[in-house]
């Protein structure tokens, strides 16, 4: 019996990707097989590819912002059925029994698993997902638009909540890629004043087009901020953002990886009741809330699409900051 195959990309362990023929995966109990329509290219994929996140699975298929159609189901998949359009996010599984899972903080579960890191992800024609950790995607929402919401959008949304921005407050965003440009739209729709600090001139232009009050190069200081989010994985940027906070301001560090933060000056960076917090993954509730908000507020990703066979180009462009908005692999032909 011939095993059906698909095209997909695997990590090689040396920072590269390899385009190969792979067997179409089969489903186990509680899983669904998804025919991939689109998959976002996230900076976390770069961390997996370059070993900045320690390898969890050799030759893994990256990708964790997957939109597609369910074409096969394992047993006990709950409310997911053949033909459903679903989103497959970064968070793939949790234990369900630890104190974090029992108290609604499953993002902190120490036995959690992740799409495109622990199991194969969406840089392929098909992907297997845990049904309980997928999100329904409305048919009216274009796949390339929906894909970035599944990580960039959700993490940005959680970071915005963690930043404790007061109503009508002043928010700073440091780095302005996939996550930040979606977060900016959420904040602006809720009445915030948004200031962006980023090294890329085209990203600064996009920020202003979306309604930011200012867009400044790295090293510049916005007006005193009520809250700030650092998306750039650079410790020196985090230190600068701390200095830009007003009294009682909160800084949220949104990256899964960050270089070392330089020494802090207590008076300049922390005194006057400033708070620093981080973001670790997301809960499924975050995803459900974000999907509803994005639809209601009209949040739209600025997307640059690539066919599946050009995933390597998409990754290189993202690493070199050549992507306008969000890079998405579009498999619809």
Protein backbone atom coordinates (compact mmCIF):
# COMPACT_ATOMS: atom_id res chain seq x y z
CA UNK A 1 0.00 0.00 0.00
CA UNK A 2 1.38 3.38 -1.05
CA UNK A 3 1.62 5.97 1.72
CA UNK A 4 0.32 9.37 0.55
CA UNK A 5 2.94 12.11 0.65
CA UNK A 6 2.99 15.88 0.89
CA UNK A 7 5.45 18.71 0.41
CA UNK A 8 6.85 20.38 3.50
CA UNK A 9 9.84 22.08 5.09
CA UNK A 10 11.98 20.65 7.88
CA UNK A 11 14.65 22.24 10.04
CA UNK A 12 18.14 20.84 9.47
CA UNK A 13 19.77 21.68 12.81
CA UNK A 14 22.20 24.15 11.26
CA UNK A 15 19.89 27.14 10.77
CA UNK A 16 18.55 26.09 7.38
CA UNK A 17 15.33 24.61 6.01
CA UNK A 18 15.03 21.60 3.71
CA UNK A 19 12.11 21.19 1.26
CA UNK A 20 11.17 17.51 1.23
CA UNK A 21 8.48 14.94 0.52
CA UNK A 22 6.89 13.75 3.78
CA UNK A 23 4.19 11.20 4.56
CA UNK A 24 0.81 12.80 5.20
CA UNK A 25 0.45 12.47 9.00
CA UNK A 26 -2.23 10.32 10.58
CA UNK A 27 -4.43 11.30 13.51
CA UNK A 28 -4.45 9.84 17.01
CA UNK A 29 -7.18 10.09 19.65
CA UNK A 30 -8.32 13.70 20.06
CA UNK A 31 -6.53 14.93 16.92
CA UNK A 32 -7.61 16.31 13.56
CA UNK A 33 -5.81 16.41 10.22
CA UNK A 34 -5.90 19.85 8.64
CA UNK A 35 -5.33 20.63 4.96
CA UNK A 36 -3.35 23.87 5.26
CA UNK A 37 -4.68 26.95 3.47
CA UNK A 38 -2.22 29.44 4.99
CA UNK A 39 0.49 29.57 7.63
CA UNK A 40 2.01 32.69 9.12
CA UNK A 41 5.79 33.05 9.32
CA UNK A 42 6.55 34.13 12.88
CA UNK A 43 9.77 35.37 14.50
CA UNK A 44 9.47 32.44 16.91
CA UNK A 45 10.08 30.22 13.87
CA UNK A 46 13.45 31.96 13.50
CA UNK A 47 14.28 31.21 17.14
CA UNK A 48 13.45 27.52 16.54
CA UNK A 49 15.40 27.47 13.28
CA UNK A 50 18.53 29.11 14.70
CA UNK A 51 18.58 27.21 18.00
CA UNK A 52 17.79 30.24 20.16
CA UNK A 53 15.02 28.01 21.46
CA UNK A 54 16.55 24.61 22.31
CA UNK A 55 15.51 21.88 19.84
CA UNK A 56 12.60 19.79 21.09
CA UNK A 57 12.21 17.64 17.98
CA UNK A 58 14.85 16.98 15.32
CA UNK A 59 13.92 17.97 11.77
CA UNK A 60 10.66 19.53 12.90
CA UNK A 61 8.28 21.16 10.44
CA UNK A 62 7.96 24.79 11.67
CA UNK A 63 4.86 26.95 11.63
CA UNK A 64 2.23 27.66 14.28
CA UNK A 65 -0.16 30.15 12.70
CA UNK A 66 -2.11 27.65 10.63
CA UNK A 67 -5.51 28.05 8.97
CA UNK A 68 -7.05 25.11 7.15
CA UNK A 69 -9.89 22.64 6.70
CA UNK A 70 -10.36 19.48 8.75
CA UNK A 71 -10.07 16.49 6.40
CA UNK A 72 -9.75 13.63 8.93
CA UNK A 73 -10.54 13.16 12.62
CA UNK A 74 -9.35 10.82 15.34
CA UNK A 75 -11.67 9.65 18.08
CA UNK A 76 -13.06 11.95 20.77
CA UNK A 77 -12.54 15.30 19.05
CA UNK A 78 -15.41 17.10 20.75
CA UNK A 79 -16.98 19.88 18.73
CA UNK A 80 -14.68 19.67 15.68
CA UNK A 81 -15.97 17.89 12.57
CA UNK A 82 -14.96 17.07 9.02
CA UNK A 83 -15.10 20.16 6.83
CA UNK A 84 -14.68 22.63 9.69
CA UNK A 85 -12.33 25.55 9.09
CA UNK A 86 -9.96 25.86 12.03
CA UNK A 87 -6.94 27.74 13.26
CA UNK A 88 -3.99 25.88 14.76
CA UNK A 89 -2.00 28.03 17.21
CA UNK A 90 1.36 27.88 19.04
CA UNK A 91 -0.08 26.32 22.22
CA UNK A 92 -0.67 22.67 21.30
CA UNK A 93 -1.28 20.94 24.62
CA UNK A 94 -1.18 21.28 28.40
CA UNK A 95 -1.37 18.69 31.18
CA UNK A 96 -4.76 19.88 32.50
CA UNK A 97 -3.98 18.84 36.08
CA UNK A 98 -1.21 21.09 37.44
CA UNK A 99 -1.97 24.12 39.60
CA UNK A 100 -1.55 26.44 36.62
CA UNK A 101 -4.03 24.53 34.47
CA UNK A 102 -6.51 24.22 37.35
CA UNK A 103 -6.47 27.98 37.98
CA UNK A 104 -6.96 29.22 34.41
CA UNK A 105 -3.26 29.86 33.77
CA UNK A 106 -2.52 27.01 31.41
CA UNK A 107 0.04 29.16 29.59
CA UNK A 108 2.37 28.48 32.55
CA UNK A 109 1.95 24.70 32.46
CA UNK A 110 5.38 23.09 32.69
CA UNK A 111 4.25 20.13 30.59
CA UNK A 112 2.86 22.18 27.72
CA UNK A 113 3.56 21.36 24.07
CA UNK A 114 3.90 23.65 21.07
CA UNK A 115 3.09 23.49 17.37
CA UNK A 116 6.15 23.74 15.16
CA UNK A 117 8.52 23.05 18.08
CA UNK A 118 7.37 19.86 19.86
CA UNK A 119 5.29 18.58 16.94
CA UNK A 120 5.27 19.31 13.21
CA UNK A 121 3.57 22.53 12.19
CA UNK A 122 2.18 24.31 9.18
CA UNK A 123 5.07 24.73 6.72
CA UNK A 124 3.52 21.78 4.87
CA UNK A 125 0.43 20.83 2.92
CA UNK A 126 -1.12 19.03 5.92
CA UNK A 127 -0.76 19.31 9.69
CA UNK A 128 -2.12 17.36 12.65
CA UNK A 129 -3.53 19.34 15.58
CA UNK A 130 -5.07 18.63 18.95
CA UNK A 131 -8.76 19.35 18.40
CA UNK A 132 -9.21 20.89 21.85
CA UNK A 133 -6.57 23.52 21.09
CA UNK A 134 -7.89 24.70 17.73
CA UNK A 135 -10.07 27.76 17.12
CA UNK A 136 -13.00 27.99 14.70
CA UNK A 137 -12.26 30.37 11.82
CA UNK A 138 -15.30 31.98 10.17
CA UNK A 139 -15.64 31.28 6.44
CA UNK A 140 -15.85 35.02 5.78
CA UNK A 141 -12.33 35.59 7.17
CA UNK A 142 -9.62 35.20 4.55
CA UNK A 143 -7.03 32.55 5.48
CA UNK A 144 -4.04 34.87 4.99
CA UNK A 145 -5.69 37.45 7.24
CA UNK A 146 -6.66 34.93 9.90
CA UNK A 147 -3.28 33.17 10.14
CA UNK A 148 -1.34 36.00 11.89
CA UNK A 149 -4.01 36.28 14.55
CA UNK A 150 -3.14 32.79 15.80
CA UNK A 151 0.15 33.83 17.39
CA UNK A 152 1.15 37.40 16.57
CA UNK A 153 -2.35 38.60 17.34
CA UNK A 154 -2.91 36.47 20.44
CA UNK A 155 0.48 37.28 22.00
CA UNK A 156 0.00 40.97 21.28
CA UNK A 157 -3.43 40.83 22.87
CA UNK A 158 -2.10 39.11 25.99
CA UNK A 159 0.78 41.60 26.16
CA UNK A 160 -1.70 44.47 25.97
CA UNK A 161 -3.66 43.00 28.87
CA UNK A 162 -0.45 42.45 30.88
CA UNK A 163 0.61 46.06 30.24
CA UNK A 164 -2.42 47.33 32.18
CA UNK A 165 -3.00 50.31 29.90
CA UNK A 166 -5.51 52.69 31.53
CA UNK A 167 -8.51 53.88 29.53
CA UNK A 168 -7.39 56.57 27.08
CA UNK A 169 -3.77 56.03 28.16
CA UNK A 170 -0.53 56.45 26.28
CA UNK A 171 0.99 53.20 24.95
CA UNK A 172 4.49 52.66 23.57
CA UNK A 173 5.29 49.79 21.19
CA UNK A 174 8.95 48.90 20.67
CA UNK A 175 9.48 46.97 17.45
CA UNK A 176 6.70 47.07 14.87
CA UNK A 177 6.38 43.76 13.10
CA UNK A 178 3.57 41.22 12.90
CA UNK A 179 2.43 41.31 16.52
CA UNK A 180 2.87 45.01 17.16
CA UNK A 181 0.92 46.20 14.11
CA UNK A 182 -2.07 44.10 15.21
CA UNK A 183 -1.75 45.21 18.84
CA UNK A 184 -1.67 48.85 17.74
CA UNK A 185 -5.03 48.43 16.02
CA UNK A 186 -6.57 46.88 19.14
CA UNK A 187 -5.25 49.70 21.34
CA UNK A 188 -6.29 52.47 18.95
CA UNK A 189 -9.79 51.02 18.61
CA UNK A 190 -10.09 51.21 22.40
CA UNK A 191 -9.10 54.87 22.53
CA UNK A 192 -5.40 54.66 23.35
CA UNK A 193 -2.73 57.08 22.16
CA UNK A 194 -0.04 54.94 20.51
CA UNK A 195 3.64 55.75 20.04
CA UNK A 196 5.97 53.44 18.13
CA UNK A 197 9.74 53.06 18.37
CA UNK A 198 11.35 50.86 15.71
CA UNK A 199 14.48 50.81 13.57
CA UNK A 200 12.72 50.11 10.26
CA UNK A 201 11.59 53.16 8.28
CA UNK A 202 8.84 51.29 6.38
CA UNK A 203 7.47 49.98 9.69
CA UNK A 204 7.37 53.55 11.01
CA UNK A 205 5.38 54.59 7.95
CA UNK A 206 2.94 51.72 8.48
CA UNK A 207 2.51 52.72 12.13
CA UNK A 208 1.56 56.25 11.13
CA UNK A 209 -0.82 54.95 8.44
CA UNK A 210 -2.58 52.85 11.10
CA UNK A 211 -3.05 55.90 13.35
CA UNK A 212 -0.05 56.04 15.68
CA UNK A 213 0.61 59.49 17.14
CA UNK A 214 4.34 59.13 16.51
CA UNK A 215 6.79 56.63 15.01
CA UNK A 216 10.39 57.12 16.04
CA UNK A 217 13.73 55.38 15.34
CA UNK A 218 15.39 53.23 18.00
CA UNK A 219 17.13 55.41 20.57
CA UNK A 220 14.42 58.10 20.47
CA UNK A 221 12.07 58.71 23.39
CA UNK A 222 8.30 59.14 23.06
CA UNK A 223 6.31 61.21 25.58
CA UNK A 224 6.09 59.62 29.07
CA UNK A 225 4.13 56.37 28.74
CA UNK A 226 1.39 54.82 30.86
CA UNK A 227 2.25 51.41 29.42
CA UNK A 228 4.71 49.91 26.98
CA UNK A 229 5.25 46.62 25.17
CA UNK A 230 8.61 45.46 23.86
CA UNK A 231 8.33 43.11 20.89
CA UNK A 232 11.95 43.43 19.78
CA UNK A 233 14.09 40.59 21.24
CA UNK A 234 16.77 43.06 22.32
CA UNK A 235 17.58 43.62 25.99
CA UNK A 236 18.89 47.15 25.43
CA UNK A 237 15.54 48.15 23.93
CA UNK A 238 13.77 46.82 27.03
CA UNK A 239 16.02 48.94 29.24
CA UNK A 240 15.28 52.05 27.15
CA UNK A 241 11.55 51.37 27.31
CA UNK A 242 11.71 51.21 31.11
CA UNK A 243 13.18 54.70 31.14
CA UNK A 244 10.30 55.95 28.95
CA UNK A 245 7.62 54.87 31.45
CA UNK A 246 5.84 57.50 33.49
CA UNK A 247 5.24 56.94 37.21
CA UNK A 248 3.11 53.82 37.84
CA UNK A 249 3.68 52.69 34.25
CA UNK A 250 3.92 49.04 33.26
CA UNK A 251 6.27 47.46 30.73
CA UNK A 252 5.36 44.08 29.19
CA UNK A 253 8.08 42.03 27.50
CA UNK A 254 6.30 40.08 24.76
CA UNK A 255 9.05 37.96 23.25
CA UNK A 256 9.70 34.28 23.89
CA UNK A 257 13.42 35.08 23.54
CA UNK A 258 15.42 38.18 24.48
CA UNK A 259 19.09 39.06 24.62
CA UNK A 260 20.55 40.02 27.99
CA UNK A 261 19.09 43.18 29.53
CA UNK A 262 21.89 45.63 30.44
CA UNK A 263 22.27 46.85 34.06
CA UNK A 264 19.45 49.07 35.29
CA UNK A 265 19.58 52.29 37.24
CA UNK A 266 17.01 52.03 40.04
CA UNK A 267 15.94 55.70 39.97
CA UNK A 268 15.78 55.98 36.17
CA UNK A 269 14.22 52.64 35.34
CA UNK A 270 12.24 51.29 38.31
CA UNK A 271 11.52 53.90 40.99
CA UNK A 272 8.13 55.64 41.23
CA UNK A 273 6.24 52.33 41.18
CA UNK A 274 7.06 51.25 37.66
CA UNK A 275 6.30 47.59 36.91
CA UNK A 276 8.02 45.16 34.55
CA UNK A 277 6.30 41.93 33.50
CA UNK A 278 6.64 39.29 30.80
CA UNK A 279 4.34 37.27 28.57
CA UNK A 280 4.51 33.48 28.38
CA UNK A 281 2.53 31.90 25.56
CA UNK A 282 -1.25 32.29 25.91
CA UNK A 283 -4.34 30.58 27.19
CA UNK A 284 -7.08 29.31 24.92
CA UNK A 285 -9.34 31.97 26.45
CA UNK A 286 -6.97 34.63 25.10
CA UNK A 287 -7.43 33.23 21.61
CA UNK A 288 -11.21 33.10 21.83
CA UNK A 289 -11.35 36.69 23.13
CA UNK A 290 -8.98 37.95 20.44
CA UNK A 291 -10.90 36.33 17.59
CA UNK A 292 -14.10 37.98 18.75
CA UNK A 293 -12.43 41.36 19.26
CA UNK A 294 -10.62 41.29 15.93
CA UNK A 295 -13.86 40.62 14.07
CA UNK A 296 -15.77 43.29 15.98
CA UNK A 297 -13.06 45.97 15.75
CA UNK A 298 -12.06 45.24 12.16
CA UNK A 299 -8.45 44.39 12.96
CA UNK A 300 -6.67 43.57 9.68
CA UNK A 301 -3.17 42.28 9.12
CA UNK A 302 -0.92 43.87 6.51
CA UNK A 303 0.19 40.73 4.70
CA UNK A 304 3.00 39.76 2.32
CA UNK A 305 2.25 36.30 0.87
CA UNK A 306 4.62 33.61 -0.39
CA UNK A 307 3.82 30.21 -1.95
CA UNK A 308 4.86 27.17 0.10
CA UNK A 309 7.93 26.47 -2.05
CA UNK A 310 9.27 29.94 -1.15
CA UNK A 311 9.15 29.50 2.62
CA UNK A 312 12.95 29.87 2.75
CA UNK A 313 12.63 33.31 1.12
CA UNK A 314 9.93 34.32 3.62
CA UNK A 315 12.15 33.30 6.55
CA UNK A 316 15.15 35.18 5.12
CA UNK A 317 13.07 38.29 4.48
CA UNK A 318 11.69 38.20 8.03
CA UNK A 319 15.19 37.81 9.51
CA UNK A 320 16.41 40.78 7.45
CA UNK A 321 13.35 42.94 8.31
CA UNK A 322 12.31 43.05 4.65
CA UNK A 323 8.69 41.97 5.29
CA UNK A 324 6.01 44.65 5.13
CA UNK A 325 3.59 43.69 7.90
CA UNK A 326 3.31 39.90 8.18
CA UNK A 327 4.78 37.11 6.05
CA UNK A 328 2.26 34.36 5.26
CA UNK A 329 2.67 31.14 3.30
CA UNK A 330 -0.39 30.85 1.04
CA UNK A 331 -1.04 27.28 -0.10
CA UNK A 332 -4.24 27.92 -2.04
CA UNK A 333 -2.51 28.16 -5.41
